[in-house]
C-alpha cells in the first residue's frame, strides 16, 4: 500500500476496527457486523487467490442484489481484482457481448441466471470457473459461493494502490455497443466524500439499497454508506411494500430512486400504516410532483439534486431546495467548466458542454483507447451533456450533445441509435427516428417514428416485441408513430429536432 493511498478495502478495515459490532450488511435473514463483513471479504479474497485469481483479473457477476455480491466487491478491493457487474436486464446476446468485451476469468451467477451463463459459456472462452451466488437452487455446473471461503491466507495483506481498477460498468451503447467504464478504488473513495459531507452520513445511517448493484447509483450510495460506517440493507429486487417495511424496521435514513419508484412507494403507502420518520435524505430522478408527494409522507426527508454519470460519478450536487430546477453546484472535489465545440470556455449564462476534472473521473473505457483519448481531450473529461451556469455557480442542465443523445426510461440509459439499428432490421421498416418523450410512469419513455416499406404493414405491439427480442426490454419503444415520411435536413439526413417537435420529444 502506498504512503498516500486509501482504498475501498481500507474503509472496510477501518469499520472493522472502530465500529466492529455495529451492523454493516443486512440481507433477508443475514445480518453481518463490520467485523464479520471484513472477515468474509478476507476469506473470499483468500479463496479467490487459491483458485488462481490475480490482481487485475475480472470477475463477472450476473445476479440480483445479495450479501454475497457486496462481499465479492470487498474481496476484490482487497486483492486488486476487478468486478464486472452485468446488467441482468440485458438480452442473451448483450450479456455475451459484455462478457467477451472484458474477458472475465471467473463468473458468478444468481439462480435466475444459471441458464443464461450456461448458454454464454461456449461463446466466452476466458471464463474458467462459474460460481453460484445469492442462494436459491444449486446447479451441478456451478460451484457454491461458500466453497470459496478460506481461512488459509485470509490474514495476508496486499499492496493495492488507490488507482487500481475496481469495477467496470458498461454504459449505454453510444455507437451500437456498450462501452465499459473502468472505475478505480480511488474514484469510488473520492466520490464518497461529497455524499458524506452533503448528507452528514455516518455510522448511524442506514441505506435501503433498492437499486441494482450493477448500476453506478446503487453501488456508489452503498459504498458511501459503508465508508461512513453505516449499514446497508440489501434488497434483492425493488418491491414497494418490502421497501416501506424495511425503512420502518431498519430505521432507513436514505435511498436512491429512479422513476417509477416513488410513485410505487406512494401507492403502497396508502394501503398500509408505515413509519417513514427515520428517512433523512433521498436522491434520484423523478417528477417534481412525485417528489413533493413523497416529502408529504416522509416529513423529515431532504431531497438532493445533482448531475452525475458513470464515468465521473457525482459532478454537481446539493439540496434541491437551494435552487429548485438546477443540478446544484460543483461538488467539493470537482472542477467544472463549460466549453463550446472548439473547446473554448463559454461565459456565464451561455450553454456549453459540461467538462470536469476530478479524482472521481474514471480511468477510461476498457479496451477503447481512442474513445478514451477523445473523451479526455485537452485534459478535461467531456461528458457529452450541455449545461449553463448562473451567476451563483448553479448548473442548469440544457440537453445532450447530438452524438451522445440518450433517453432515460426509469433511470436506465438508452441511446436512440442502438434502438434504431434494431428496428431497421425488421423487414417492414424503411426508416426510423427514435426519440424520448415525457412519461408519467417512467419519467421518460421511448418513441419510435417509423416509415414502412411500400406495401408492408406493422402493428406497434409487434414492433415493440421485435425490439424486446433483440435487446433489453427496457429499450423497446413504448410508443410508435407510423408516418409516410420523416423530415430531412439539407444534406438528406433525418432532422431529429423536427421529429421531436412533430411527435412530442421532450428533453
Protein backbone atom coordinates (compact mmCIF):
# COMPACT_ATOMS: atom_id res chain seq x y z
CA UNK A 1 0.00 0.00 0.00
CA UNK A 2 1.44 3.39 -0.99
CA UNK A 3 2.04 6.03 1.63
CA UNK A 4 -0.69 8.26 0.20
CA UNK A 5 -3.25 5.63 -0.85
CA UNK A 6 -6.64 4.99 0.68
CA UNK A 7 -8.83 2.30 -0.85
CA UNK A 8 -12.24 0.68 -0.55
CA UNK A 9 -10.67 -2.12 1.46
CA UNK A 10 -9.14 0.48 3.81
CA UNK A 11 -12.53 1.80 4.91
CA UNK A 12 -13.73 -1.79 5.32
CA UNK A 13 -10.80 -2.33 7.69
CA UNK A 14 -11.47 0.97 9.46
CA UNK A 15 -15.06 -0.04 10.11
CA UNK A 16 -13.97 -3.41 11.49
CA UNK A 17 -11.61 -1.63 13.86
CA UNK A 18 -13.76 1.18 15.24
CA UNK A 19 -17.32 0.01 14.55
CA UNK A 20 -16.68 -3.72 14.93
CA UNK A 21 -20.01 -4.70 16.47
CA UNK A 22 -22.23 -2.34 14.51
CA UNK A 23 -24.21 -3.83 11.66
CA UNK A 24 -22.74 -3.48 8.20
CA UNK A 25 -24.82 -5.67 5.85
CA UNK A 26 -28.40 -6.92 6.17
CA UNK A 27 -29.91 -9.20 3.58
CA UNK A 28 -33.04 -11.25 4.34
CA UNK A 29 -32.05 -13.28 7.43
CA UNK A 30 -28.33 -12.49 7.14
CA UNK A 31 -27.01 -9.82 9.48
CA UNK A 32 -23.28 -9.05 9.43
CA UNK A 33 -21.36 -6.69 11.67
CA UNK A 34 -18.50 -4.68 10.21
CA UNK A 35 -16.04 -7.16 11.74
CA UNK A 36 -17.90 -10.12 10.28
CA UNK A 37 -18.15 -8.46 6.88
CA UNK A 38 -14.39 -7.81 6.77
CA UNK A 39 -13.68 -11.41 7.83
CA UNK A 40 -15.83 -12.72 4.98
CA UNK A 41 -14.14 -10.39 2.48
CA UNK A 42 -10.74 -11.63 3.69
CA UNK A 43 -11.76 -15.27 3.38
CA UNK A 44 -13.25 -14.87 -0.10
CA UNK A 45 -10.14 -12.99 -1.25
CA UNK A 46 -8.00 -15.86 0.06
CA UNK A 47 -10.22 -18.38 -1.71
CA UNK A 48 -10.07 -16.48 -5.00
CA UNK A 49 -6.27 -16.37 -4.85
CA UNK A 50 -6.11 -20.11 -4.14
CA UNK A 51 -8.39 -20.66 -7.13
CA UNK A 52 -5.97 -18.75 -9.36
CA UNK A 53 -7.30 -15.17 -9.49
CA UNK A 54 -4.65 -12.45 -9.69
CA UNK A 55 -4.61 -8.66 -9.45
CA UNK A 56 -6.40 -7.14 -12.43
CA UNK A 57 -8.40 -10.27 -13.29
CA UNK A 58 -12.07 -9.63 -13.99
CA UNK A 59 -14.87 -11.27 -12.02
CA UNK A 60 -18.21 -11.16 -13.84
CA UNK A 61 -21.45 -11.08 -11.86
CA UNK A 62 -24.90 -11.70 -13.33
CA UNK A 63 -27.15 -11.70 -10.28
CA UNK A 64 -29.70 -9.77 -8.28
CA UNK A 65 -28.61 -7.91 -5.17
CA UNK A 66 -27.46 -10.06 -2.25
CA UNK A 67 -24.99 -10.07 0.64
CA UNK A 68 -22.52 -12.17 -1.36
CA UNK A 69 -22.46 -9.54 -4.11
CA UNK A 70 -21.23 -6.99 -1.55
CA UNK A 71 -18.73 -9.46 -0.09
CA UNK A 72 -17.33 -10.05 -3.58
CA UNK A 73 -16.84 -6.30 -4.01
CA UNK A 74 -14.95 -6.21 -0.70
CA UNK A 75 -12.80 -9.23 -1.57
CA UNK A 76 -11.93 -7.77 -4.97
CA UNK A 77 -10.94 -4.50 -3.31
CA UNK A 78 -8.54 -6.32 -1.00
CA UNK A 79 -6.73 -8.31 -3.69
CA UNK A 80 -7.00 -5.91 -6.61
CA UNK A 81 -9.38 -7.89 -8.82
CA UNK A 82 -11.92 -6.04 -10.97
CA UNK A 83 -15.64 -6.71 -10.62
CA UNK A 84 -17.67 -6.78 -13.85
CA UNK A 85 -21.32 -6.42 -12.78
CA UNK A 86 -23.54 -7.24 -15.76
CA UNK A 87 -26.93 -5.63 -16.26
CA UNK A 88 -29.28 -8.61 -15.84
CA UNK A 89 -31.93 -6.77 -17.86
CA UNK A 90 -29.81 -7.35 -20.96
CA UNK A 91 -30.79 -9.94 -23.53
CA UNK A 92 -28.59 -13.00 -24.01
CA UNK A 93 -26.59 -11.51 -26.89
CA UNK A 94 -25.92 -8.31 -24.93
CA UNK A 95 -24.71 -10.25 -21.89
CA UNK A 96 -22.40 -12.30 -24.07
CA UNK A 97 -21.04 -9.13 -25.66
CA UNK A 98 -20.23 -7.59 -22.25
CA UNK A 99 -18.54 -10.79 -21.09
CA UNK A 100 -16.39 -11.03 -24.20
CA UNK A 101 -15.62 -7.32 -24.06
CA UNK A 102 -13.81 -7.70 -20.72
CA UNK A 103 -12.68 -11.36 -20.73
CA UNK A 104 -13.53 -12.27 -17.12
CA UNK A 105 -11.68 -15.19 -15.57
CA UNK A 106 -14.48 -16.26 -13.22
CA UNK A 107 -18.23 -15.72 -13.41
CA UNK A 108 -20.78 -15.53 -10.61
CA UNK A 109 -24.41 -16.17 -11.48
CA UNK A 110 -27.58 -15.85 -9.43
CA UNK A 111 -30.04 -18.76 -9.59
CA UNK A 112 -32.20 -16.89 -12.11
CA UNK A 113 -29.23 -16.61 -14.49
CA UNK A 114 -27.69 -20.07 -14.42
CA UNK A 115 -29.23 -20.91 -17.77
CA UNK A 116 -28.04 -17.58 -19.18
CA UNK A 117 -24.47 -18.39 -18.20
CA UNK A 118 -24.71 -21.96 -19.48
CA UNK A 119 -25.63 -20.60 -22.90
CA UNK A 120 -22.91 -17.96 -22.73
CA UNK A 121 -20.02 -20.20 -21.69
CA UNK A 122 -19.34 -21.79 -25.11
CA UNK A 123 -19.01 -18.27 -26.56
CA UNK A 124 -16.88 -16.80 -23.74
CA UNK A 125 -13.59 -18.63 -23.76
CA UNK A 126 -11.99 -16.59 -20.99
CA UNK A 127 -14.28 -17.93 -18.23
CA UNK A 128 -12.55 -20.75 -16.35
CA UNK A 129 -14.99 -21.29 -13.48
CA UNK A 130 -18.60 -20.46 -12.67
CA UNK A 131 -19.91 -19.93 -9.15
CA UNK A 132 -23.45 -19.70 -7.85
CA UNK A 133 -24.24 -16.56 -5.87
CA UNK A 134 -27.28 -15.36 -3.96
CA UNK A 135 -28.60 -18.69 -2.68
CA UNK A 136 -31.55 -20.40 -4.33
CA UNK A 137 -31.45 -23.70 -6.17
CA UNK A 138 -27.99 -25.00 -6.93
CA UNK A 139 -26.82 -26.44 -10.22
CA UNK A 140 -24.14 -29.05 -10.84
CA UNK A 141 -22.39 -26.76 -13.32
CA UNK A 142 -21.91 -24.04 -10.71
CA UNK A 143 -19.64 -24.11 -7.66
CA UNK A 144 -21.37 -22.84 -4.49
CA UNK A 145 -20.07 -19.42 -3.44
CA UNK A 146 -19.49 -20.78 0.08
CA UNK A 147 -16.76 -23.09 -1.24
CA UNK A 148 -14.56 -20.05 -1.88
CA UNK A 149 -14.25 -19.20 1.82
CA UNK A 150 -10.74 -19.96 3.04
CA UNK A 151 -9.16 -19.30 6.41
CA UNK A 152 -5.74 -20.08 4.97
CA UNK A 153 -4.26 -16.84 3.68
CA UNK A 154 -7.13 -14.70 4.97
CA UNK A 155 -4.78 -12.57 7.09
CA UNK A 156 -2.42 -11.84 4.19
CA UNK A 157 -2.14 -8.20 3.10
CA UNK A 158 -1.56 -6.87 -0.40
CA UNK A 159 -0.07 -3.71 -1.87
CA UNK A 160 -3.05 -2.46 -3.88
CA UNK A 161 -2.81 1.21 -4.93
CA UNK A 162 -5.81 3.52 -4.98
CA UNK A 163 -5.59 3.82 -8.78
CA UNK A 164 -6.08 0.07 -9.24
CA UNK A 165 -9.12 -0.87 -11.31
CA UNK A 166 -12.09 -1.85 -9.16
CA UNK A 167 -15.24 -2.10 -11.27
CA UNK A 168 -16.20 -1.98 -14.96
CA UNK A 169 -19.70 -0.64 -15.58
CA UNK A 170 -20.97 -0.70 -19.14
CA UNK A 171 -22.62 2.50 -20.25
CA UNK A 172 -25.28 2.93 -22.91
CA UNK A 173 -24.45 1.85 -26.46
CA UNK A 174 -23.38 5.16 -27.98
CA UNK A 175 -22.28 3.56 -31.26
CA UNK A 176 -24.38 0.40 -31.16
CA UNK A 177 -22.38 -1.36 -28.46
CA UNK A 178 -21.95 -0.62 -24.72
CA UNK A 179 -18.60 0.69 -23.51
CA UNK A 180 -17.07 -0.50 -20.25
CA UNK A 181 -16.16 2.40 -17.95
CA UNK A 182 -13.31 1.38 -15.64
CA UNK A 183 -13.52 2.96 -12.20
CA UNK A 184 -10.67 2.71 -9.70
CA UNK A 185 -10.88 2.27 -5.97
CA UNK A 186 -9.66 5.85 -5.65
CA UNK A 187 -12.54 7.02 -7.87
CA UNK A 188 -15.05 5.40 -5.53
CA UNK A 189 -13.38 6.72 -2.39
CA UNK A 190 -13.24 10.26 -3.80
CA UNK A 191 -16.88 10.16 -4.92
CA UNK A 192 -17.90 9.20 -1.38
CA UNK A 193 -16.65 12.47 0.14
CA UNK A 194 -19.29 14.84 -1.31
CA UNK A 195 -22.04 12.39 -0.37
CA UNK A 196 -20.79 12.07 3.19
CA UNK A 197 -20.43 15.83 3.62
CA UNK A 198 -23.65 16.87 1.86
CA UNK A 199 -25.79 14.42 3.83
CA UNK A 200 -23.87 14.24 7.10
CA UNK A 201 -23.86 10.49 6.68
CA UNK A 202 -22.18 8.48 9.44
CA UNK A 203 -22.34 5.26 11.48
CA UNK A 204 -25.98 5.82 12.45
CA UNK A 205 -27.17 5.89 8.85
CA UNK A 206 -28.95 3.08 7.07
CA UNK A 207 -29.13 2.80 3.28
CA UNK A 208 -32.02 0.78 1.86
CA UNK A 209 -30.32 -0.48 -1.30
CA UNK A 210 -33.15 -0.89 -3.80
CA UNK A 211 -31.22 -0.08 -6.98
CA UNK A 212 -29.25 -2.87 -8.65
CA UNK A 213 -25.62 -3.26 -7.62
CA UNK A 214 -24.66 -3.32 -11.30
CA UNK A 215 -25.76 0.33 -11.52
CA UNK A 216 -23.35 3.07 -10.50
CA UNK A 217 -26.04 4.76 -8.39
CA UNK A 218 -26.78 1.64 -6.33
CA UNK A 219 -23.09 0.86 -5.94
CA UNK A 220 -21.99 4.42 -5.10
CA UNK A 221 -24.54 5.02 -2.32
CA UNK A 222 -23.75 1.58 -0.86
CA UNK A 223 -20.05 2.44 -0.82
CA UNK A 224 -20.63 5.91 0.65
CA UNK A 225 -22.75 4.39 3.41
CA UNK A 226 -20.05 1.84 4.17
CA UNK A 227 -17.34 4.49 4.06
CA UNK A 228 -19.22 6.41 6.75
CA UNK A 229 -19.56 3.32 8.92
CA UNK A 230 -23.27 2.91 8.27
CA UNK A 231 -25.49 -0.06 7.47
CA UNK A 232 -26.50 -1.29 4.01
CA UNK A 233 -29.82 -3.14 3.88
CA UNK A 234 -29.66 -5.02 0.59
CA UNK A 235 -32.92 -5.58 -1.29
CA UNK A 236 -32.80 -8.35 -3.89
CA UNK A 237 -35.15 -6.55 -6.28
CA UNK A 238 -37.23 -3.47 -5.67
CA UNK A 239 -40.54 -4.28 -4.01
CA UNK A 240 -42.54 -1.27 -2.74
CA UNK A 241 -44.14 -2.96 0.28
CA UNK A 242 -40.88 -4.60 1.37
CA UNK A 243 -39.05 -1.30 0.95
CA UNK A 244 -41.52 0.55 3.17
CA UNK A 245 -41.30 -2.20 5.80
CA UNK A 246 -37.50 -2.10 5.76
CA UNK A 247 -37.43 1.67 6.12
CA UNK A 248 -39.62 1.29 9.20
CA UNK A 249 -37.98 -1.79 10.74
CA UNK A 250 -34.33 -0.98 9.97
CA UNK A 251 -34.70 2.77 10.55
CA UNK A 252 -33.68 3.52 7.00
CA UNK A 253 -32.25 7.02 6.52
CA UNK A 254 -31.53 7.14 2.78
CA UNK A 255 -32.10 5.54 -0.61
CA UNK A 256 -31.58 6.26 -4.30
CA UNK A 257 -34.55 6.22 -6.66
CA UNK A 258 -35.48 6.37 -10.32
CA UNK A 259 -38.98 6.62 -11.76
CA UNK A 260 -41.35 4.91 -11.07
CA UNK A 261 -40.02 4.01 -7.59
CA UNK A 262 -41.54 6.96 -5.69
CA UNK A 263 -44.95 6.54 -7.30
CA UNK A 264 -44.92 2.82 -6.43
CA UNK A 265 -43.98 3.60 -2.83
CA UNK A 266 -46.74 6.21 -2.57
CA UNK A 267 -49.34 3.76 -3.91
CA UNK A 268 -48.37 1.12 -1.36
CA UNK A 269 -48.08 3.67 1.45
CA UNK A 270 -51.77 4.49 1.04
CA UNK A 271 -52.67 0.83 1.62
CA UNK A 272 -50.95 0.41 4.98
CA UNK A 273 -49.53 2.07 8.07
CA UNK A 274 -45.81 2.76 7.62
CA UNK A 275 -43.50 4.93 9.69
CA UNK A 276 -41.07 6.80 7.42
CA UNK A 277 -39.88 9.27 10.04
CA UNK A 278 -36.33 7.87 10.03
CA UNK A 279 -35.70 8.94 6.41
CA UNK A 280 -33.33 11.91 6.22
CA UNK A 281 -32.16 12.11 2.64
CA UNK A 282 -33.10 10.78 -0.79
CA UNK A 283 -31.65 11.41 -4.21
CA UNK A 284 -32.55 10.35 -7.71
CA UNK A 285 -34.69 11.26 -10.69
CA UNK A 286 -38.44 11.78 -10.74
CA UNK A 287 -41.10 14.38 -11.44
CA UNK A 288 -41.42 17.35 -9.04
CA UNK A 289 -44.98 16.19 -8.30
CA UNK A 290 -43.89 12.74 -7.12
CA UNK A 291 -41.02 14.15 -5.07
CA UNK A 292 -43.29 16.67 -3.38
CA UNK A 293 -45.90 13.99 -2.65
CA UNK A 294 -43.27 11.71 -1.11
CA UNK A 295 -41.98 14.52 1.09
CA UNK A 296 -45.52 14.93 2.42
CA UNK A 297 -45.45 11.38 3.86
CA UNK A 298 -41.74 11.36 4.79
CA UNK A 299 -41.70 14.64 6.65
CA UNK A 300 -38.06 14.61 7.74
CA UNK A 301 -36.56 13.87 4.36
CA UNK A 302 -34.33 16.25 2.40
CA UNK A 303 -34.09 15.87 -1.36
CA UNK A 304 -30.74 16.00 -3.11
CA UNK A 305 -30.14 17.09 -6.69
CA UNK A 306 -27.15 16.84 -8.96
CA UNK A 307 -25.57 15.98 -12.27
CA UNK A 308 -23.70 12.70 -12.49
CA UNK A 309 -22.68 9.98 -14.91
CA UNK A 310 -20.99 6.60 -14.66
CA UNK A 311 -17.70 7.97 -15.98
CA UNK A 312 -17.42 10.82 -13.47
CA UNK A 313 -19.67 9.84 -10.58
CA UNK A 314 -21.13 12.98 -8.98
CA UNK A 315 -20.16 16.21 -10.77
CA UNK A 316 -22.53 18.71 -9.16
CA UNK A 317 -24.95 18.41 -6.28
CA UNK A 318 -26.57 19.86 -3.20
CA UNK A 319 -30.02 20.30 -1.65
CA UNK A 320 -32.72 20.60 -4.31
CA UNK A 321 -34.34 23.43 -2.34
CA UNK A 322 -31.26 25.67 -2.71
CA UNK A 323 -32.02 26.46 -6.35
CA UNK A 324 -35.09 24.48 -7.49
CA UNK A 325 -34.72 23.13 -11.01
CA UNK A 326 -30.94 23.35 -11.06
CA UNK A 327 -28.42 20.49 -10.77
CA UNK A 328 -26.68 22.15 -7.85
CA UNK A 329 -23.10 23.40 -7.68
CA UNK A 330 -19.82 21.59 -8.43
CA UNK A 331 -19.02 19.08 -5.68
CA UNK A 332 -16.17 19.72 -3.29
CA UNK A 333 -13.88 17.51 -5.41
CA UNK A 334 -14.96 18.67 -8.89
CA UNK A 335 -13.64 21.39 -11.16
CA UNK A 336 -16.33 22.03 -13.77
CA UNK A 337 -16.11 24.12 -16.92
CA UNK A 338 -18.43 24.57 -19.91
CA UNK A 339 -16.86 24.51 -23.38
CA UNK A 340 -18.12 25.11 -26.90
CA UNK A 341 -17.49 22.75 -29.85
CA UNK A 342 -13.98 24.19 -30.19
CA UNK A 343 -13.16 23.61 -26.52
CA UNK A 344 -13.33 27.30 -25.69
CA UNK A 345 -14.85 28.16 -22.32
CA UNK A 346 -18.24 29.86 -22.58
CA UNK A 347 -19.30 32.79 -20.37
CA UNK A 348 -21.79 32.60 -17.52
CA UNK A 349 -25.33 32.14 -18.78
CA UNK A 350 -24.28 30.58 -22.10
CA UNK A 351 -24.71 26.83 -22.76
CA UNK A 352 -21.68 24.62 -23.24
CA UNK A 353 -20.54 21.03 -22.86
CA UNK A 354 -20.13 20.04 -19.21
CA UNK A 355 -16.47 19.10 -18.67
CA UNK A 356 -14.87 18.05 -15.42
CA UNK A 357 -11.58 17.40 -13.67
CA UNK A 358 -11.93 15.33 -10.53
CA UNK A 359 -10.35 12.40 -8.67
CA UNK A 360 -13.68 10.66 -9.33
CA UNK A 361 -13.23 10.69 -13.13
CA UNK A 362 -12.90 7.14 -14.42
CA UNK A 363 -9.69 5.58 -15.75
CA UNK A 364 -11.05 5.11 -19.27
CA UNK A 365 -13.11 2.83 -21.48
CA UNK A 366 -11.96 -0.78 -21.30
CA UNK A 367 -10.09 -1.68 -24.48
CA UNK A 368 -11.07 1.56 -26.24
CA UNK A 369 -8.04 3.84 -26.17
CA UNK A 370 -9.28 6.10 -28.97
CA UNK A 371 -12.63 6.68 -27.27
CA UNK A 372 -10.84 7.42 -24.01
CA UNK A 373 -8.44 9.87 -25.64
CA UNK A 374 -11.31 11.70 -27.31
CA UNK A 375 -13.28 11.90 -24.07
CA UNK A 376 -10.22 13.19 -22.18
CA UNK A 377 -9.07 15.66 -24.88
CA UNK A 378 -7.30 18.83 -23.71
CA UNK A 379 -7.06 17.46 -20.19
CA UNK A 380 -10.79 17.51 -19.44
CA UNK A 381 -13.38 14.75 -19.22
CA UNK A 382 -16.06 15.66 -21.76
CA UNK A 383 -19.44 14.40 -20.55
CA UNK A 384 -21.35 14.91 -23.79
CA UNK A 385 -24.01 16.89 -21.92
CA UNK A 386 -24.85 20.57 -22.31
CA UNK A 387 -25.46 22.89 -19.37
CA UNK A 388 -25.19 26.52 -18.33
CA UNK A 389 -24.03 28.22 -15.13
CA UNK A 390 -25.95 31.04 -13.48
CA UNK A 391 -24.32 33.92 -11.66
CA UNK A 392 -24.22 32.00 -8.38
CA UNK A 393 -22.49 28.93 -9.80
CA UNK A 394 -25.53 26.66 -10.05
CA UNK A 395 -25.54 24.35 -13.05
CA UNK A 396 -28.66 24.17 -15.19
CA UNK A 397 -28.98 21.14 -17.41
CA UNK A 398 -29.88 22.01 -21.01
CA UNK A 399 -29.66 18.90 -23.22
CA UNK A 400 -27.36 16.19 -24.52
CA UNK A 401 -24.98 16.68 -27.39
CA UNK A 402 -26.30 15.15 -30.60
CA UNK A 403 -23.68 12.40 -30.75
CA UNK A 404 -24.43 11.39 -27.17
CA UNK A 405 -28.16 11.95 -27.13
CA UNK A 406 -29.87 9.40 -24.96
CA UNK A 407 -33.19 8.55 -23.34
CA UNK A 408 -33.54 7.63 -19.66
CA UNK A 409 -36.57 5.39 -19.04
CA UNK A 410 -36.61 4.62 -15.32
CA UNK A 411 -33.02 5.79 -14.86
CA UNK A 412 -31.53 3.45 -17.47
CA UNK A 413 -29.53 4.95 -20.33
CA UNK A 414 -30.71 4.18 -23.85
CA UNK A 415 -29.11 5.65 -26.97
CA UNK A 416 -31.59 6.17 -29.83
CA UNK A 417 -29.04 4.90 -32.35
CA UNK A 418 -28.98 1.47 -30.71
CA UNK A 419 -32.77 1.13 -30.86
CA UNK A 420 -32.89 2.47 -34.40
CA UNK A 421 -30.30 -0.08 -35.50
CA UNK A 422 -32.51 -2.92 -34.24
CA UNK A 423 -35.74 -1.52 -35.68
CA UNK A 424 -34.14 -1.20 -39.11
CA UNK A 425 -33.55 -4.96 -39.09
CA UNK A 426 -37.31 -5.50 -39.36
CA UNK A 427 -38.25 -6.27 -42.96
CA UNK A 428 -41.22 -3.90 -42.88
CA UNK A 429 -39.23 -0.82 -41.81
CA UNK A 430 -37.71 1.64 -44.28
CA UNK A 431 -36.70 4.48 -41.96
CA UNK A 432 -36.96 5.29 -38.27
CA UNK A 433 -36.17 8.03 -35.79
CA UNK A 434 -36.21 7.21 -32.07
CA UNK A 435 -36.82 10.00 -29.57
CA UNK A 436 -37.58 10.45 -25.89
CA UNK A 437 -40.95 11.69 -24.68
CA UNK A 438 -42.19 12.72 -21.26
CA UNK A 439 -43.83 9.83 -19.45
CA UNK A 440 -45.70 9.91 -16.14
CA UNK A 441 -44.68 6.39 -15.12
CA UNK A 442 -41.04 6.22 -16.21
CA UNK A 443 -40.10 9.89 -16.34
CA UNK A 444 -39.08 9.47 -19.95
CA UNK A 445 -40.18 6.88 -22.49
CA UNK A 446 -39.02 5.72 -25.91
CA UNK A 447 -40.99 6.62 -29.02
CA UNK A 448 -40.21 5.30 -32.50
CA UNK A 449 -41.37 7.29 -35.53
CA UNK A 450 -41.43 4.80 -38.38
CA UNK A 451 -41.72 4.83 -42.17
CA UNK A 452 -42.73 1.43 -43.58
CA UNK A 453 -41.59 -0.11 -46.84
CA UNK A 454 -44.20 0.15 -49.64
CA UNK A 455 -46.95 -2.44 -49.30
CA UNK A 456 -45.87 -3.51 -45.80
CA UNK A 457 -47.90 -3.33 -42.59
CA UNK A 458 -46.84 -3.48 -38.95
CA UNK A 459 -48.52 -3.07 -35.57
CA UNK A 460 -46.99 -1.08 -32.71
CA UNK A 461 -47.02 -4.04 -30.33
CA UNK A 462 -45.37 -6.23 -32.93
CA UNK A 463 -42.53 -3.75 -33.41
CA UNK A 464 -42.02 -3.31 -29.65
CA UNK A 465 -41.92 -7.07 -29.22
CA UNK A 466 -39.39 -7.36 -32.03
CA UNK A 467 -37.06 -4.90 -30.29
CA UNK A 468 -37.51 -6.62 -26.92
CA UNK A 469 -36.47 -9.92 -28.52
CA UNK A 470 -33.16 -8.44 -29.67
CA UNK A 471 -32.04 -6.14 -26.82
CA UNK A 472 -33.03 -5.43 -23.21
CA UNK A 473 -36.77 -4.96 -22.76
CA UNK A 474 -36.38 -1.51 -21.21
CA UNK A 475 -35.03 -0.38 -24.62
CA UNK A 476 -38.20 -1.23 -26.54
CA UNK A 477 -40.45 1.62 -27.75
CA UNK A 478 -43.39 2.33 -25.50
CA UNK A 479 -44.96 4.43 -28.26
CA UNK A 480 -44.83 4.05 -32.05
CA UNK A 481 -45.96 6.56 -34.67
CA UNK A 482 -46.23 5.42 -38.29
CA UNK A 483 -45.72 8.20 -40.85
CA UNK A 484 -45.45 8.50 -44.61
CA UNK A 485 -42.13 10.34 -44.45
CA UNK A 486 -39.59 11.73 -41.99
CA UNK A 487 -38.35 15.34 -42.17
CA UNK A 488 -34.86 15.71 -43.64
CA UNK A 489 -32.07 18.27 -43.41
CA UNK A 490 -30.46 19.87 -46.47
CA UNK A 491 -27.87 17.10 -46.59
CA UNK A 492 -30.55 14.40 -46.64
CA UNK A 493 -30.19 13.28 -43.02
CA UNK A 494 -33.22 12.76 -40.78
CA UNK A 495 -33.97 16.03 -38.99
CA UNK A 496 -34.17 14.75 -35.41
CA UNK A 497 -35.05 18.15 -33.96
CA UNK A 498 -38.04 18.44 -36.29
CA UNK A 499 -39.10 14.87 -35.44
CA UNK A 500 -39.12 15.87 -31.75
CA UNK A 501 -41.23 18.94 -32.50
CA UNK A 502 -43.69 16.92 -34.60
CA UNK A 503 -44.02 13.91 -32.30
CA UNK A 504 -43.63 15.19 -28.75
CA UNK A 505 -39.97 14.66 -27.98
CA UNK A 506 -39.08 16.42 -24.74
CA UNK A 507 -35.64 16.74 -23.13
